[in-house]
Amino acid sequence: MNIKLKHSKMLGTLLIILFTAALVQNEGHRQNDILLMDIEALAAGEGNIAIRCIGIGSLDCPVSNQRVYRITEPLSQY
């Protein structure tokens, strides 16, 4: 009888550990999905924007990779 009690306690402990591990793993996937949605949302506005780089200065122009004074974009029409 004592052996059966030990085995059921061990089985219960093992099931709790497995259940907790499954929940933790699922939470990690959910965070990765949220992170990917955030990255996609940030990148969504990076379409074909007519960027103009003006002058000579300390900013890196994303179009020509030259050092420029000012980087301008057209105004949003939203």
Protein backbone atom coordinates (compact mmCIF):
# COMPACT_ATOMS: atom_id res chain seq x y z
CA MET A 1 0.00 0.00 0.00
CA ASN A 2 2.83 2.39 0.84
CA ILE A 3 4.47 1.77 -2.56
CA LYS A 4 1.23 2.59 -4.43
CA LEU A 5 0.94 5.88 -2.51
CA LYS A 6 4.52 6.83 -3.41
CA HIS A 7 3.90 5.96 -7.07
CA SER A 8 0.71 8.04 -7.21
CA LYS A 9 2.48 11.01 -5.61
CA MET A 10 5.32 10.73 -8.11
CA LEU A 11 2.87 10.44 -11.01
CA GLY A 12 0.92 13.47 -9.76
CA THR A 13 4.11 15.50 -9.40
CA LEU A 14 5.24 14.46 -12.88
CA LEU A 15 1.88 15.48 -14.39
CA ILE A 16 2.05 18.88 -12.68
CA ILE A 17 5.58 19.44 -14.00
CA LEU A 18 4.59 18.45 -17.54
CA PHE A 19 1.49 20.66 -17.46
CA THR A 20 3.53 23.64 -16.20
CA ALA A 21 6.20 23.08 -18.87
CA ALA A 22 3.51 22.99 -21.59
CA LEU A 23 2.03 26.28 -20.34
CA VAL A 24 5.42 27.99 -20.24
CA GLN A 25 6.26 26.81 -23.75
CA ASN A 26 2.90 28.04 -25.07
CA GLU A 27 3.48 31.46 -23.46
CA GLY A 28 6.84 31.73 -25.28
CA HIS A 29 5.16 31.14 -28.64
CA ARG A 30 2.53 33.76 -27.86
CA GLN A 31 5.22 36.34 -27.06
CA ASN A 32 7.04 35.54 -30.31
CA ASP A 33 3.80 36.04 -32.26
CA ILE A 34 3.20 39.41 -30.59
CA LEU A 35 6.79 40.46 -31.31
CA LEU A 36 6.43 39.54 -34.99
CA MET A 37 3.15 41.47 -35.24
CA ASP A 38 4.85 44.53 -33.73
CA ILE A 39 7.73 44.30 -36.21
CA GLU A 40 5.30 43.95 -39.12
CA ALA A 41 3.29 46.94 -37.89
CA LEU A 42 6.42 49.08 -37.69
CA ALA A 43 7.56 48.00 -41.15
CA ALA A 44 4.14 48.52 -42.75
CA GLY A 45 4.71 52.25 -43.18
CA GLU A 46 8.04 51.77 -44.94
CA GLY A 47 6.73 51.70 -48.49
CA ASN A 48 7.85 53.70 -51.48
CA ILE A 49 8.21 57.10 -49.83
CA ALA A 50 9.83 59.88 -51.80
CA ILE A 51 12.63 60.84 -49.42
CA ARG A 52 14.77 63.87 -50.25
CA CYS A 53 18.20 64.46 -48.79
CA ILE A 54 19.36 68.07 -48.71
CA GLY A 55 22.79 69.64 -48.20
CA ILE A 56 25.93 68.32 -46.53
CA GLY A 57 25.86 67.50 -42.84
CA SER A 58 25.92 64.78 -40.22
CA LEU A 59 22.81 62.73 -41.05
CA ASP A 60 22.99 59.50 -43.06
CA CYS A 61 20.72 59.68 -46.09
CA PRO A 62 18.82 56.36 -46.42
CA VAL A 63 18.66 56.74 -50.20
CA SER A 64 22.24 57.61 -51.16
CA ASN A 65 24.13 56.69 -47.94
CA GLN A 66 25.78 60.12 -47.97
CA ARG A 67 26.08 62.54 -45.04
CA VAL A 68 23.40 65.23 -45.45
CA TYR A 69 22.02 68.23 -43.54
CA ARG A 70 18.30 67.41 -43.74
CA ILE A 71 16.11 64.42 -44.67
CA THR A 72 12.56 65.24 -45.77
CA GLU A 73 9.48 63.17 -46.56
CA PRO A 74 6.20 64.26 -48.14
CA LEU A 75 3.42 65.08 -45.67
CA SER A 76 1.01 62.27 -44.86
CA GLN A 77 -2.47 62.61 -46.33
CA TYR A 78 -4.26 60.71 -43.56
